[in-house]
PDB file of N, CA and C in Angstrom:
ATOM      1  N   UNK A   1      57.284 -45.106 -13.771  1.00  0.00           N
ATOM      2  CA  UNK A   1      57.505 -45.175 -14.984  1.00  0.00           C
ATOM      3  C   UNK A   1      56.054 -46.485 -15.412  1.00  0.00           C
ATOM      4  N   UNK A   2      56.063 -47.287 -14.485  1.00  0.00           N
ATOM      5  CA  UNK A   2      55.171 -48.202 -14.479  1.00  0.00           C
ATOM      6  C   UNK A   2      53.670 -47.530 -14.571  1.00  0.00           C
ATOM      7  N   UNK A   3      53.469 -46.602 -13.579  1.00  0.00           N
ATOM      8  CA  UNK A   3      52.219 -45.652 -13.486  1.00  0.00           C
ATOM      9  C   UNK A   3      51.882 -44.926 -14.915  1.00  0.00           C
ATOM     10  N   UNK A   4      53.015 -44.306 -15.469  1.00  0.00           N
ATOM     11  CA  UNK A   4      52.777 -43.949 -16.845  1.00  0.00           C
ATOM     12  C   UNK A   4      52.366 -44.908 -17.651  1.00  0.00           C
ATOM     13  N   UNK A   5      52.926 -45.931 -18.054  1.00  0.00           N
ATOM     14  CA  UNK A   5      52.742 -46.948 -18.812  1.00  0.00           C
ATOM     15  C   UNK A   5      50.924 -47.428 -18.803  1.00  0.00           C
ATOM     16  N   UNK A   6      50.847 -47.581 -17.333  1.00  0.00           N
ATOM     17  CA  UNK A   6      49.387 -48.240 -17.114  1.00  0.00           C
ATOM     18  C   UNK A   6      48.232 -46.966 -17.575  1.00  0.00           C
ATOM     19  N   UNK A   7      48.519 -45.787 -17.403  1.00  0.00           N
ATOM     20  CA  UNK A   7      47.933 -44.579 -17.601  1.00  0.00           C
ATOM     21  C   UNK A   7      47.583 -44.470 -19.041  1.00  0.00           C
ATOM     22  N   UNK A   8      48.600 -44.668 -19.919  1.00  0.00           N
ATOM     23  CA  UNK A   8      48.673 -44.501 -21.458  1.00  0.00           C
ATOM     24  C   UNK A   8      48.052 -45.772 -22.171  1.00  0.00           C
ATOM     25  N   UNK A   9      47.784 -46.881 -21.216  1.00  0.00           N
ATOM     26  CA  UNK A   9      47.420 -48.097 -21.874  1.00  0.00           C
ATOM     27  C   UNK A   9      45.857 -48.025 -22.223  1.00  0.00           C
ATOM     28  N   UNK A  10      45.190 -47.206 -21.383  1.00  0.00           N
ATOM     29  CA  UNK A  10      43.618 -46.965 -21.901  1.00  0.00           C
ATOM     30  C   UNK A  10      43.447 -45.987 -22.845  1.00  0.00           C
ATOM     31  N   UNK A  11      42.523 -46.303 -24.074  1.00  0.00           N
ATOM     32  CA  UNK A  11      42.571 -45.462 -25.287  1.00  0.00           C
ATOM     33  C   UNK A  11      41.997 -44.074 -25.011  1.00  0.00           C
ATOM     34  N   UNK A  12      40.851 -44.058 -24.004  1.00  0.00           N
ATOM     35  CA  UNK A  12      40.612 -42.640 -24.000  1.00  0.00           C
ATOM     36  C   UNK A  12      41.638 -41.871 -23.133  1.00  0.00           C
ATOM     37  N   UNK A  13      42.452 -42.195 -22.134  1.00  0.00           N
ATOM     38  CA  UNK A  13      43.352 -41.417 -21.550  1.00  0.00           C
ATOM     39  C   UNK A  13      44.500 -41.163 -22.394  1.00  0.00           C
ATOM     40  N   UNK A  14      44.813 -42.225 -23.447  1.00  0.00           N
ATOM     41  CA  UNK A  14      46.032 -41.867 -24.656  1.00  0.00           C
ATOM     42  C   UNK A  14      45.368 -40.567 -25.265  1.00  0.00           C
ATOM     43  N   UNK A  15      44.200 -40.403 -25.702  1.00  0.00           N
ATOM     44  CA  UNK A  15      43.554 -39.387 -26.618  1.00  0.00           C
ATOM     45  C   UNK A  15      43.383 -38.207 -25.487  1.00  0.00           C
ATOM     46  N   UNK A  16      43.348 -38.340 -24.486  1.00  0.00           N
ATOM     47  CA  UNK A  16      43.387 -36.834 -23.858  1.00  0.00           C
ATOM     48  C   UNK A  16      44.677 -36.503 -23.418  1.00  0.00           C
ATOM     49  N   UNK A  17      45.977 -37.342 -23.524  1.00  0.00           N
ATOM     50  CA  UNK A  17      47.290 -37.203 -23.496  1.00  0.00           C
ATOM     51  C   UNK A  17      47.775 -36.485 -24.864  1.00  0.00           C
ATOM     52  N   UNK A  18      47.221 -37.160 -25.714  1.00  0.00           N
ATOM     53  CA  UNK A  18      47.451 -36.510 -27.280  1.00  0.00           C
ATOM     54  C   UNK A  18      46.789 -35.109 -27.677  1.00  0.00           C
ATOM     55  N   UNK A  19      45.602 -34.907 -27.084  1.00  0.00           N
ATOM     56  CA  UNK A  19      45.359 -33.630 -27.140  1.00  0.00           C
ATOM     57  C   UNK A  19      45.869 -32.565 -26.278  1.00  0.00           C
ATOM     58  N   UNK A  20      46.422 -33.289 -25.256  1.00  0.00           N
ATOM     59  CA  UNK A  20      46.975 -32.158 -24.270  1.00  0.00           C
ATOM     60  C   UNK A  20      48.665 -31.694 -24.859  1.00  0.00           C
ATOM     61  N   UNK A  21      49.168 -32.602 -25.850  1.00  0.00           N
ATOM     62  CA  UNK A  21      50.135 -32.583 -26.393  1.00  0.00           C
ATOM     63  C   UNK A  21      50.389 -31.196 -26.893  1.00  0.00           C
ATOM     64  N   UNK A  22      49.253 -30.444 -27.591  1.00  0.00           N
ATOM     65  CA  UNK A  22      49.575 -29.269 -28.097  1.00  0.00           C
ATOM     66  C   UNK A  22      49.229 -28.150 -27.277  1.00  0.00           C
ATOM     67  N   UNK A  23      49.176 -28.398 -25.896  1.00  0.00           N
ATOM     68  CA  UNK A  23      48.789 -27.454 -24.966  1.00  0.00           C
ATOM     69  C   UNK A  23      47.856 -27.595 -24.024  1.00  0.00           C
ATOM     70  N   UNK A  24      48.074 -26.886 -22.966  1.00  0.00           N
ATOM     71  CA  UNK A  24      47.019 -26.857 -21.927  1.00  0.00           C
ATOM     72  C   UNK A  24      45.709 -26.932 -22.078  1.00  0.00           C
ATOM     73  N   UNK A  25      44.367 -27.670 -21.745  1.00  0.00           N
ATOM     74  CA  UNK A  25      43.256 -27.206 -22.000  1.00  0.00           C
ATOM     75  C   UNK A  25      42.303 -27.576 -20.626  1.00  0.00           C
ATOM     76  N   UNK A  26      41.370 -26.727 -20.701  1.00  0.00           N
ATOM     77  CA  UNK A  26      40.250 -26.868 -19.604  1.00  0.00           C
ATOM     78  C   UNK A  26      39.385 -28.284 -19.834  1.00  0.00           C
ATOM     79  N   UNK A  27      38.786 -28.681 -18.870  1.00  0.00           N
ATOM     80  CA  UNK A  27      38.043 -29.725 -18.944  1.00  0.00           C
ATOM     81  C   UNK A  27      36.803 -29.920 -20.050  1.00  0.00           C
ATOM     82  N   UNK A  28      36.438 -28.617 -19.878  1.00  0.00           N
ATOM     83  CA  UNK A  28      35.160 -28.803 -20.888  1.00  0.00           C
ATOM     84  C   UNK A  28      35.558 -28.912 -22.260  1.00  0.00           C
ATOM     85  N   UNK A  29      36.715 -28.229 -22.586  1.00  0.00           N
ATOM     86  CA  UNK A  29      37.460 -28.268 -24.055  1.00  0.00           C
ATOM     87  C   UNK A  29      37.570 -29.876 -24.450  1.00  0.00           C
ATOM     88  N   UNK A  30      38.386 -30.622 -23.235  1.00  0.00           N
ATOM     89  CA  UNK A  30      38.462 -31.655 -23.543  1.00  0.00           C
ATOM     90  C   UNK A  30      37.142 -32.864 -23.810  1.00  0.00           C
ATOM     91  N   UNK A  31      36.428 -32.379 -23.104  1.00  0.00           N
ATOM     92  CA  UNK A  31      34.989 -33.318 -23.178  1.00  0.00           C
ATOM     93  C   UNK A  31      34.343 -32.706 -24.487  1.00  0.00           C
ATOM     94  N   UNK A  32      34.439 -31.445 -24.891  1.00  0.00           N
ATOM     95  CA  UNK A  32      33.946 -31.516 -26.262  1.00  0.00           C
ATOM     96  C   UNK A  32      34.923 -31.936 -27.324  1.00  0.00           C
ATOM     97  N   UNK A  33      36.049 -32.103 -27.441  1.00  0.00           N
ATOM     98  CA  UNK A  33      36.702 -32.506 -28.287  1.00  0.00           C
ATOM     99  C   UNK A  33      36.729 -33.781 -28.519  1.00  0.00           C
ATOM    100  N   UNK A  34      36.617 -34.452 -27.459  1.00  0.00           N
ATOM    101  CA  UNK A  34      37.059 -35.989 -27.668  1.00  0.00           C
ATOM    102  C   UNK A  34      35.408 -36.478 -27.481  1.00  0.00           C
ATOM    103  N   UNK A  35      34.483 -35.897 -27.468  1.00  0.00           N
ATOM    104  CA  UNK A  35      32.832 -36.263 -27.319  1.00  0.00           C
ATOM    105  C   UNK A  35      32.953 -37.200 -26.677  1.00  0.00           C
ATOM    106  N   UNK A  36      33.222 -37.073 -25.125  1.00  0.00           N
ATOM    107  CA  UNK A  36      33.131 -37.993 -24.143  1.00  0.00           C
ATOM    108  C   UNK A  36      32.170 -36.982 -23.172  1.00  0.00           C
ATOM    109  N   UNK A  37      31.568 -38.032 -22.140  1.00  0.00           N
ATOM    110  CA  UNK A  37      30.879 -37.619 -21.044  1.00  0.00           C
ATOM    111  C   UNK A  37      31.765 -36.607 -19.831  1.00  0.00           C
ATOM    112  N   UNK A  38      31.557 -35.827 -19.232  1.00  0.00           N
ATOM    113  CA  UNK A  38      32.269 -34.933 -18.500  1.00  0.00           C
ATOM    114  C   UNK A  38      32.838 -35.771 -17.110  1.00  0.00           C
ATOM    115  N   UNK A  39      31.876 -36.501 -16.681  1.00  0.00           N
ATOM    116  CA  UNK A  39      32.456 -37.483 -15.551  1.00  0.00           C
ATOM    117  C   UNK A  39      33.497 -38.381 -15.862  1.00  0.00           C
ATOM    118  N   UNK A  40      33.498 -38.936 -17.189  1.00  0.00           N
ATOM    119  CA  UNK A  40      34.262 -39.817 -17.794  1.00  0.00           C
ATOM    120  C   UNK A  40      35.635 -39.280 -17.887  1.00  0.00           C
ATOM    121  N   UNK A  41      35.523 -37.915 -18.545  1.00  0.00           N
ATOM    122  CA  UNK A  41      36.909 -37.368 -18.623  1.00  0.00           C
ATOM    123  C   UNK A  41      37.602 -36.832 -17.459  1.00  0.00           C
ATOM    124  N   UNK A  42      36.496 -36.543 -16.644  1.00  0.00           N
ATOM    125  CA  UNK A  42      37.291 -36.345 -14.846  1.00  0.00           C
ATOM    126  C   UNK A  42      37.870 -37.562 -14.592  1.00  0.00           C
ATOM    127  N   UNK A  43      37.217 -38.588 -14.506  1.00  0.00           N
ATOM    128  CA  UNK A  43      37.687 -39.988 -13.765  1.00  0.00           C
ATOM    129  C   UNK A  43      39.174 -40.169 -14.614  1.00  0.00           C
ATOM    130  N   UNK A  44      39.226 -39.930 -15.868  1.00  0.00           N
ATOM    131  CA  UNK A  44      40.706 -40.354 -16.901  1.00  0.00           C
ATOM    132  C   UNK A  44      41.666 -39.309 -16.176  1.00  0.00           C
ATOM    133  N   UNK A  45      41.167 -37.754 -16.020  1.00  0.00           N
ATOM    134  CA  UNK A  45      41.925 -36.879 -15.808  1.00  0.00           C
ATOM    135  C   UNK A  45      42.681 -37.280 -14.201  1.00  0.00           C
ATOM    136  N   UNK A  46      41.944 -37.556 -13.254  1.00  0.00           N
ATOM    137  CA  UNK A  46      42.025 -37.803 -12.008  1.00  0.00           C
ATOM    138  C   UNK A  46      43.063 -38.944 -12.174  1.00  0.00           C
ATOM    139  N   UNK A  47      42.787 -40.062 -13.070  1.00  0.00           N
ATOM    140  CA  UNK A  47      43.722 -40.827 -12.810  1.00  0.00           C
ATOM    141  C   UNK A  47      45.205 -40.597 -13.550  1.00  0.00           C
ATOM    142  N   UNK A  48      45.135 -39.777 -14.661  1.00  0.00           N
ATOM    143  CA  UNK A  48      46.278 -39.376 -15.157  1.00  0.00           C
ATOM    144  C   UNK A  48      46.990 -38.407 -14.191  1.00  0.00           C
ATOM    145  N   UNK A  49      46.521 -37.672 -13.362  1.00  0.00           N
ATOM    146  CA  UNK A  49      46.950 -36.855 -12.385  1.00  0.00           C
ATOM    147  C   UNK A  49      47.789 -37.766 -11.372  1.00  0.00           C
ATOM    148  N   UNK A  50      47.196 -38.690 -10.835  1.00  0.00           N
ATOM    149  CA  UNK A  50      47.453 -39.600  -9.670  1.00  0.00           C
ATOM    150  C   UNK A  50      48.877 -40.208 -10.245  1.00  0.00           C
ATOM    151  N   UNK A  51      48.954 -40.739 -11.863  1.00  0.00           N
ATOM    152  CA  UNK A  51      49.901 -41.495 -12.318  1.00  0.00           C
ATOM    153  C   UNK A  51      51.322 -40.359 -12.527  1.00  0.00           C
ATOM    154  N   UNK A  52      50.751 -39.159 -12.154  1.00  0.00           N
ATOM    155  CA  UNK A  52      51.814 -38.028 -12.900  1.00  0.00           C
ATOM    156  C   UNK A  52      52.429 -37.575 -13.905  1.00  0.00           C
ATOM    157  N   UNK A  53      51.140 -38.098 -14.918  1.00  0.00           N
ATOM    158  CA  UNK A  53      51.281 -37.685 -16.290  1.00  0.00           C
ATOM    159  C   UNK A  53      50.698 -36.182 -16.589  1.00  0.00           C
ATOM    160  N   UNK A  54      49.810 -35.812 -16.162  1.00  0.00           N
ATOM    161  CA  UNK A  54      49.158 -34.574 -16.051  1.00  0.00           C
ATOM    162  C   UNK A  54      49.531 -33.687 -14.677  1.00  0.00           C
ATOM    163  N   UNK A  55      49.370 -32.250 -15.095  1.00  0.00           N
ATOM    164  CA  UNK A  55      49.203 -31.228 -13.941  1.00  0.00           C
ATOM    165  C   UNK A  55      47.836 -30.807 -14.035  1.00  0.00           C
ATOM    166  N   UNK A  56      47.409 -29.965 -13.083  1.00  0.00           N
ATOM    167  CA  UNK A  56      46.267 -29.337 -12.926  1.00  0.00           C
ATOM    168  C   UNK A  56      46.295 -28.025 -12.398  1.00  0.00           C
ATOM    169  N   UNK A  57      45.872 -27.125 -13.023  1.00  0.00           N
ATOM    170  CA  UNK A  57      45.806 -25.673 -12.088  1.00  0.00           C
ATOM    171  C   UNK A  57      44.028 -25.172 -12.138  1.00  0.00           C
ATOM    172  N   UNK A  58      43.853 -24.336 -11.362  1.00  0.00           N
ATOM    173  CA  UNK A  58      42.598 -23.743 -11.334  1.00  0.00           C
ATOM    174  C   UNK A  58      42.696 -22.577 -11.724  1.00  0.00           C
ATOM    175  N   UNK A  59      42.002 -22.060 -12.695  1.00  0.00           N
ATOM    176  CA  UNK A  59      41.544 -20.629 -13.183  1.00  0.00           C
ATOM    177  C   UNK A  59      40.183 -20.384 -12.982  1.00  0.00           C
ATOM    178  N   UNK A  60      39.869 -19.830 -11.945  1.00  0.00           N
ATOM    179  CA  UNK A  60      38.673 -18.925 -11.867  1.00  0.00           C
ATOM    180  C   UNK A  60      37.901 -20.584 -11.381  1.00  0.00           C
ATOM    181  N   UNK A  61      36.869 -20.520 -12.113  1.00  0.00           N
ATOM    182  CA  UNK A  61      35.888 -22.014 -11.980  1.00  0.00           C
ATOM    183  C   UNK A  61      36.270 -23.446 -12.754  1.00  0.00           C
ATOM    184  N   UNK A  62      37.335 -22.931 -13.585  1.00  0.00           N
ATOM    185  CA  UNK A  62      37.780 -23.998 -14.611  1.00  0.00           C
ATOM    186  C   UNK A  62      39.225 -24.747 -13.743  1.00  0.00           C
ATOM    187  N   UNK A  63      39.176 -26.009 -14.417  1.00  0.00           N
ATOM    188  CA  UNK A  63      40.378 -26.743 -14.186  1.00  0.00           C
ATOM    189  C   UNK A  63      41.249 -26.737 -15.459  1.00  0.00           C
ATOM    190  N   UNK A  64      42.491 -26.514 -15.489  1.00  0.00           N
ATOM    191  CA  UNK A  64      43.261 -26.507 -16.560  1.00  0.00           C
ATOM    192  C   UNK A  64      44.240 -27.599 -16.541  1.00  0.00           C
ATOM    193  N   UNK A  65      44.165 -28.384 -17.409  1.00  0.00           N
ATOM    194  CA  UNK A  65      45.152 -29.672 -17.422  1.00  0.00           C
ATOM    195  C   UNK A  65      46.397 -29.543 -18.316  1.00  0.00           C
ATOM    196  N   UNK A  66      47.606 -29.898 -17.902  1.00  0.00           N
ATOM    197  CA  UNK A  66      48.745 -29.880 -19.008  1.00  0.00           C
ATOM    198  C   UNK A  66      49.490 -31.169 -18.540  1.00  0.00           C
ATOM    199  N   UNK A  67      50.498 -31.412 -19.659  1.00  0.00           N
ATOM    200  CA  UNK A  67      51.259 -32.580 -19.476  1.00  0.00           C
ATOM    201  C   UNK A  67      52.295 -32.264 -18.520  1.00  0.00           C
ATOM    202  N   UNK A  68      53.022 -33.438 -17.771  1.00  0.00           N
ATOM    203  CA  UNK A  68      53.975 -33.034 -16.901  1.00  0.00           C
ATOM    204  C   UNK A  68      54.971 -33.866 -17.705  1.00  0.00           C
ATOM    205  N   UNK A  69      56.033 -32.915 -18.192  1.00  0.00           N
ATOM    206  CA  UNK A  69      57.329 -33.341 -18.874  1.00  0.00           C
ATOM    207  C   UNK A  69      58.117 -34.389 -18.260  1.00  0.00           C
ATOM    208  N   UNK A  70      58.231 -34.631 -17.097  1.00  0.00           N
ATOM    209  CA  UNK A  70      58.904 -35.493 -15.925  1.00  0.00           C
ATOM    210  C   UNK A  70      58.665 -36.646 -16.477  1.00  0.00           C
ATOM    211  N   UNK A  71      57.365 -37.130 -16.670  1.00  0.00           N
ATOM    212  CA  UNK A  71      56.659 -38.496 -16.674  1.00  0.00           C
ATOM    213  C   UNK A  71      57.137 -39.126 -18.238  1.00  0.00           C
ATOM    214  N   UNK A  72      57.218 -38.152 -19.310  1.00  0.00           N
ATOM    215  CA  UNK A  72      57.708 -38.384 -20.680  1.00  0.00           C
ATOM    216  C   UNK A  72      59.318 -38.721 -20.554  1.00  0.00           C
ATOM    217  N   UNK A  73      60.105 -37.665 -19.959  1.00  0.00           N
ATOM    218  CA  UNK A  73      61.274 -37.965 -20.022  1.00  0.00           C
ATOM    219  C   UNK A  73      61.797 -39.216 -19.397  1.00  0.00           C
ATOM    220  N   UNK A  74      61.106 -39.865 -18.182  1.00  0.00           N
ATOM    221  CA  UNK A  74      61.238 -41.112 -17.691  1.00  0.00           C
ATOM    222  C   UNK A  74      60.990 -42.118 -18.819  1.00  0.00           C
ATOM    223  N   UNK A  75      59.874 -42.008 -19.391  1.00  0.00           N
ATOM    224  CA  UNK A  75      59.628 -43.140 -20.281  1.00  0.00           C
ATOM    225  C   UNK A  75      60.514 -43.184 -21.419  1.00  0.00           C
ATOM    226  N   UNK A  76      61.108 -41.691 -21.891  1.00  0.00           N
ATOM    227  CA  UNK A  76      61.791 -41.757 -23.040  1.00  0.00           C
ATOM    228  C   UNK A  76      62.995 -42.467 -22.440  1.00  0.00           C
ATOM    229  N   UNK A  77      63.684 -42.339 -21.406  1.00  0.00           N
ATOM    230  CA  UNK A  77      64.766 -42.773 -20.980  1.00  0.00           C
ATOM    231  C   UNK A  77      64.931 -44.357 -20.916  1.00  0.00           C
ATOM    232  N   UNK A  78      63.734 -45.023 -20.307  1.00  0.00           N
ATOM    233  CA  UNK A  78      63.383 -46.349 -20.608  1.00  0.00           C
ATOM    234  C   UNK A  78      63.447 -46.900 -22.094  1.00  0.00           C
ATOM    235  N   UNK A  79      62.911 -46.046 -22.909  1.00  0.00           N
ATOM    236  CA  UNK A  79      62.630 -46.467 -24.249  1.00  0.00           C
ATOM    237  C   UNK A  79      64.118 -46.426 -24.938  1.00  0.00           C
ATOM    238  N   UNK A  80      64.894 -45.492 -24.432  1.00  0.00           N
ATOM    239  CA  UNK A  80      66.456 -45.500 -24.936  1.00  0.00           C
ATOM    240  C   UNK A  80      67.138 -46.696 -24.970  1.00  0.00           C
ATOM    241  N   UNK A  81      66.956 -47.311 -24.079  1.00  0.00           N
ATOM    242  CA  UNK A  81      67.795 -48.614 -24.096  1.00  0.00           C
ATOM    243  C   UNK A  81      67.261 -49.610 -25.126  1.00  0.00           C
ATOM    244  N   UNK A  82      66.180 -49.618 -25.364  1.00  0.00           N
ATOM    245  CA  UNK A  82      65.574 -50.642 -26.359  1.00  0.00           C
ATOM    246  C   UNK A  82      65.860 -49.811 -27.774  1.00  0.00           C
ATOM    247  N   UNK A  83      66.010 -48.762 -27.602  1.00  0.00           N
ATOM    248  CA  UNK A  83      66.082 -48.164 -29.095  1.00  0.00           C
ATOM    249  C   UNK A  83      67.844 -48.550 -29.427  1.00  0.00           C
ATOM    250  N   UNK A  84      68.686 -48.471 -28.712  1.00  0.00           N
ATOM    251  CA  UNK A  84      70.064 -48.587 -28.450  1.00  0.00           C
ATOM    252  C   UNK A  84      70.081 -50.297 -28.918  1.00  0.00           C
ATOM    253  N   UNK A  85      69.226 -51.121 -28.239  1.00  0.00           N
ATOM    254  CA  UNK A  85      69.387 -52.413 -28.519  1.00  0.00           C
ATOM    255  C   UNK A  85      68.936 -52.804 -30.070  1.00  0.00           C
ATOM    256  N   UNK A  86      67.761 -52.183 -30.594  1.00  0.00           N
ATOM    257  CA  UNK A  86      67.379 -52.363 -31.836  1.00  0.00           C
ATOM    258  C   UNK A  86      68.426 -51.687 -32.736  1.00  0.00           C
ATOM    259  N   UNK A  87      69.060 -50.599 -32.653  1.00  0.00           N
ATOM    260  CA  UNK A  87      70.079 -50.114 -33.748  1.00  0.00           C
ATOM    261  C   UNK A  87      71.111 -50.865 -33.797  1.00  0.00           C
ATOM    262  N   UNK A  88      71.755 -51.400 -32.683  1.00  0.00           N
ATOM    263  CA  UNK A  88      72.701 -52.590 -32.723  1.00  0.00           C
ATOM    264  C   UNK A  88      72.197 -53.910 -33.464  1.00  0.00           C
ATOM    265  N   UNK A  89      70.854 -54.138 -33.233  1.00  0.00           N
ATOM    266  CA  UNK A  89      70.915 -55.593 -33.999  1.00  0.00           C
ATOM    267  C   UNK A  89      70.556 -54.937 -35.381  1.00  0.00           C
ATOM    268  N   UNK A  90      70.083 -53.827 -35.924  1.00  0.00           N
ATOM    269  CA  UNK A  90      69.792 -53.650 -37.049  1.00  0.00           C
ATOM    270  C   UNK A  90      71.325 -53.322 -37.932  1.00  0.00           C
ATOM    271  N   UNK A  91      72.186 -52.868 -37.175  1.00  0.00           N
ATOM    272  CA  UNK A  91      73.748 -52.550 -37.785  1.00  0.00           C
ATOM    273  C   UNK A  91      74.070 -54.171 -37.984  1.00  0.00           C
ATOM    274  N   UNK A  92      74.023 -54.900 -36.986  1.00  0.00           N
ATOM    275  CA  UNK A  92      74.537 -56.106 -37.349  1.00  0.00           C
ATOM    276  C   UNK A  92      73.906 -57.010 -38.456  1.00  0.00           C
ATOM    277  N   UNK A  93      72.521 -57.035 -38.723  1.00  0.00           N
ATOM    278  CA  UNK A  93      71.595 -57.166 -39.706  1.00  0.00           C
ATOM    279  C   UNK A  93      72.069 -56.502 -41.218  1.00  0.00           C
ATOM    280  N   UNK A  94      72.421 -55.232 -41.058  1.00  0.00           N
ATOM    281  CA  UNK A  94      72.783 -54.591 -41.971  1.00  0.00           C
ATOM    282  C   UNK A  94      74.511 -55.291 -42.873  1.00  0.00           C
ATOM    283  N   UNK A  95      75.020 -55.416 -41.320  1.00  0.00           N
ATOM    284  CA  UNK A  95      76.255 -56.223 -41.918  1.00  0.00           C
ATOM    285  C   UNK A  95      76.291 -57.580 -42.519  1.00  0.00           C
ATOM    286  N   UNK A  96      75.568 -58.304 -42.144  1.00  0.00           N
ATOM    287  CA  UNK A  96      75.331 -59.622 -42.854  1.00  0.00           C
ATOM    288  C   UNK A  96      74.685 -59.650 -44.023  1.00  0.00           C
ATOM    289  N   UNK A  97      73.497 -58.608 -44.217  1.00  0.00           N
ATOM    290  CA  UNK A  97      73.583 -58.466 -45.655  1.00  0.00           C
ATOM    291  C   UNK A  97      74.400 -57.913 -46.731  1.00  0.00           C
ATOM    292  N   UNK A  98      75.295 -57.211 -46.313  1.00  0.00           N
ATOM    293  CA  UNK A  98      76.304 -56.670 -47.001  1.00  0.00           C
ATOM    294  C   UNK A  98      77.123 -57.684 -47.304  1.00  0.00           C
ATOM    295  N   UNK A  99      77.306 -58.723 -46.177  1.00  0.00           N
ATOM    296  CA  UNK A  99      78.443 -59.970 -46.310  1.00  0.00           C
ATOM    297  C   UNK A  99      77.810 -60.635 -47.382  1.00  0.00           C
ATOM    298  N   UNK A 100      76.646 -61.066 -47.431  1.00  0.00           N
ATOM    299  CA  UNK A 100      75.950 -61.756 -48.260  1.00  0.00           C
ATOM    300  C   UNK A 100      75.964 -61.394 -49.880  1.00  0.00           C
ATOM    301  N   UNK A 101      75.949 -59.927 -49.841  1.00  0.00           N
ATOM    302  CA  UNK A 101      76.063 -59.316 -51.174  1.00  0.00           C
ATOM    303  C   UNK A 101      77.052 -59.492 -51.914  1.00  0.00           C
ATOM    304  N   UNK A 102      78.083 -59.457 -50.886  1.00  0.00           N
ATOM    305  CA  UNK A 102      79.436 -59.473 -51.367  1.00  0.00           C
ATOM    306  C   UNK A 102      80.029 -61.058 -51.896  1.00  0.00           C
ATOM    307  N   UNK A 103      79.372 -61.555 -51.226  1.00  0.00           N
ATOM    308  CA  UNK A 103      79.494 -63.441 -51.632  1.00  0.00           C
ATOM    309  C   UNK A 103      78.916 -63.436 -52.805  1.00  0.00           C
ATOM    310  N   UNK A 104      77.778 -62.943 -53.007  1.00  0.00           N
ATOM    311  CA  UNK A 104      76.968 -63.267 -54.392  1.00  0.00           C
ATOM    312  C   UNK A 104      77.737 -62.391 -55.619  1.00  0.00           C
ATOM    313  N   UNK A 105      78.412 -61.418 -55.329  1.00  0.00           N
ATOM    314  CA  UNK A 105      79.065 -60.846 -56.340  1.00  0.00           C
ATOM    315  C   UNK A 105      80.383 -61.852 -56.565  1.00  0.00           C
ATOM    316  N   UNK A 106      80.950 -62.082 -55.603  1.00  0.00           N
ATOM    317  CA  UNK A 106      82.211 -63.121 -55.993  1.00  0.00           C
ATOM    318  C   UNK A 106      81.704 -64.071 -56.699  1.00  0.00           C
ATOM    319  N   UNK A 107      80.861 -64.912 -56.341  1.00  0.00           N
ATOM    320  CA  UNK A 107      80.251 -66.212 -57.130  1.00  0.00           C
ATOM    321  C   UNK A 107      79.903 -65.781 -58.233  1.00  0.00           C
ATOM    322  N   UNK A 108      79.304 -64.736 -58.694  1.00  0.00           N
ATOM    323  CA  UNK A 108      78.951 -64.399 -60.069  1.00  0.00           C
ATOM    324  C   UNK A 108      80.221 -63.821 -60.816  1.00  0.00           C
ATOM    325  N   UNK A 109      81.578 -63.292 -60.132  1.00  0.00           N
ATOM    326  CA  UNK A 109      82.416 -63.159 -60.819  1.00  0.00           C
ATOM    327  C   UNK A 109      83.434 -64.610 -61.044  1.00  0.00           C
ATOM    328  N   UNK A 110      83.357 -65.489 -60.076  1.00  0.00           N
ATOM    329  CA  UNK A 110      83.733 -66.865 -60.082  1.00  0.00           C
ATOM    330  C   UNK A 110      83.327 -67.650 -61.672  1.00  0.00           C
ATOM    331  N   UNK A 111      82.059 -67.566 -61.598  1.00  0.00           N
ATOM    332  CA  UNK A 111      81.294 -68.491 -62.511  1.00  0.00           C
ATOM    333  C   UNK A 111      81.573 -67.369 -64.300  1.00  0.00           C
ATOM    334  N   UNK A 112      81.452 -66.110 -64.022  1.00  0.00           N
ATOM    335  CA  UNK A 112      81.932 -65.652 -65.518  1.00  0.00           C
ATOM    336  C   UNK A 112      83.521 -65.560 -65.546  1.00  0.00           C
ATOM    337  N   UNK A 113      84.571 -66.284 -64.795  1.00  0.00           N
ATOM    338  CA  UNK A 113      85.946 -66.452 -64.950  1.00  0.00           C
ATOM    339  C   UNK A 113      85.838 -68.112 -65.778  1.00  0.00           C
ATOM    340  N   UNK A 114      84.776 -68.715 -65.450  1.00  0.00           N
ATOM    341  CA  UNK A 114      84.786 -70.081 -65.256  1.00  0.00           C
ATOM    342  C   UNK A 114      84.372 -70.497 -67.273  1.00  0.00           C
ATOM    343  N   UNK A 115      83.459 -69.524 -67.535  1.00  0.00           N
ATOM    344  CA  UNK A 115      82.913 -69.678 -68.871  1.00  0.00           C
ATOM    345  C   UNK A 115      83.985 -69.388 -70.007  1.00  0.00           C
TER     346      UNK A 115
END
């Protein structure tokens, strides 16, 4: 999972991953779409492949790259623990806000009775 995070931390590699999200693409199309030089794209694709983020297959003279779901499943599983943590904290925060709101209503009712 660390390799996935490191791979996605570089903006050009993240752009490549986002482009591959809609489906497999040959290197030439990635170069054209992202307006990067071919050697630069190939270097990033090699890094993404070594990190386990993309898969590559040959089709005649082309190399077709696609995302590897497993890398993203692992990342999602890791993020899930943080989602649960924040959901719990937000639920508690909501409870505190609700308690404060009820206290304000009770104070307003007490002041109304005093008049």
